[in-house]
Structures are given as structure tokens and as C-alpha cells.
Protein backbone atom coordinates (compact mmCIF):
# COMPACT_ATOMS: atom_id res chain seq x y z
CA UNK A 1 16.28 19.32 -9.10
CA UNK A 2 16.26 15.54 -8.66
CA UNK A 3 15.10 15.69 -5.03
CA UNK A 4 11.89 17.42 -6.10
CA UNK A 5 11.22 14.66 -8.58
CA UNK A 6 11.88 12.06 -5.89
CA UNK A 7 9.47 13.79 -3.50
CA UNK A 8 6.81 13.71 -6.20
CA UNK A 9 7.50 10.03 -6.94
CA UNK A 10 7.40 9.04 -3.28
CA UNK A 11 4.01 10.68 -2.84
CA UNK A 12 2.77 9.03 -6.02
CA UNK A 13 3.97 5.60 -4.86
CA UNK A 14 2.31 6.06 -1.47
CA UNK A 15 -0.98 7.05 -3.07
CA UNK A 16 -0.77 4.25 -5.60
CA UNK A 17 -0.10 1.66 -2.91
CA UNK A 18 -3.11 2.95 -0.98
CA UNK A 19 -5.27 2.42 -4.06
CA UNK A 20 -4.03 -1.16 -4.29
CA UNK A 21 -4.69 -1.78 -0.60
CA UNK A 22 -8.22 -0.53 -1.03
CA UNK A 23 -8.87 -2.94 -3.92
CA UNK A 24 -7.22 -5.85 -2.13
CA UNK A 25 -9.43 -5.31 0.89
CA UNK A 26 -12.51 -4.99 -1.29
CA UNK A 27 -11.79 -8.35 -2.92
CA UNK A 28 -10.79 -10.04 0.32
CA UNK A 29 -14.15 -9.09 1.78
CA UNK A 30 -16.06 -10.20 -1.34
CA UNK A 31 -14.64 -13.71 -1.19
CA UNK A 32 -14.32 -14.07 2.57
CA UNK A 33 -17.29 -16.42 3.04
CA UNK A 34 -16.53 -18.71 0.12
CA UNK A 35 -12.72 -18.65 0.24
CA UNK A 36 -11.67 -17.66 3.75
CA UNK A 37 -8.09 -18.91 3.34
CA UNK A 38 -7.57 -16.90 0.17
CA UNK A 39 -9.19 -13.86 1.78
CA UNK A 40 -6.83 -14.18 4.74
CA UNK A 41 -3.75 -14.33 2.51
CA UNK A 42 -4.87 -11.21 0.66
CA UNK A 43 -5.37 -9.45 3.99
CA UNK A 44 -1.91 -10.56 5.09
CA UNK A 45 -0.44 -9.05 1.93
CA UNK A 46 -2.08 -5.75 2.84
CA UNK A 47 0.09 -5.64 5.96
CA UNK A 48 3.20 -5.68 3.76
CA UNK A 49 1.91 -2.85 1.59
CA UNK A 50 1.10 -0.81 4.69
CA UNK A 51 4.52 -1.51 6.17
CA UNK A 52 6.19 -0.51 2.91
CA UNK A 53 4.14 2.66 2.79
CA UNK A 54 5.32 3.58 6.27
CA UNK A 55 8.91 3.34 5.05
CA UNK A 56 8.10 5.43 1.96
CA UNK A 57 6.49 8.05 4.21
CA UNK A 58 9.57 8.07 6.43
CA UNK A 59 11.75 8.59 3.35
CA UNK A 60 9.47 11.41 2.21
CA UNK A 61 9.70 13.11 5.61
CA UNK A 62 13.49 12.93 5.53
CA UNK A 63 13.63 15.05 2.38
CA UNK A 64 10.83 17.50 3.15
């Protein structure tokens, strides 16, 4: 059934985004002292990923 595939994909996308967020934060912290403005922009992008993940989680819950 297509809905089962979608559930699987949503969970995969959520997990994958979390992996990206983890790497973004790692790099933002590595460069924070030398490039604070760049670090800040990376951290700001994390907020968008987290916001998107909340929407993906809401979608997942609607089809559970």
C-alpha cells in the first residue's frame, strides 16, 4: 500500500534531516571562533531543518 511506503519515507526523511543537523552543528562549532558570522548562519539554517522536521513528524502522526 502506498501509505506504508509514505510512512517509511517520512521516517527516513526525519532521520536523515537529523543527521544533517548534527553535522551542521558540528561544523558551526568548529568554526565559531574564527568565522562567527558563518557559524551563526549555519546555526540559523538548523532552525529551518528543525521546523521542517516538525512538519514531517506532524504528517507522520496523521497517517499512523
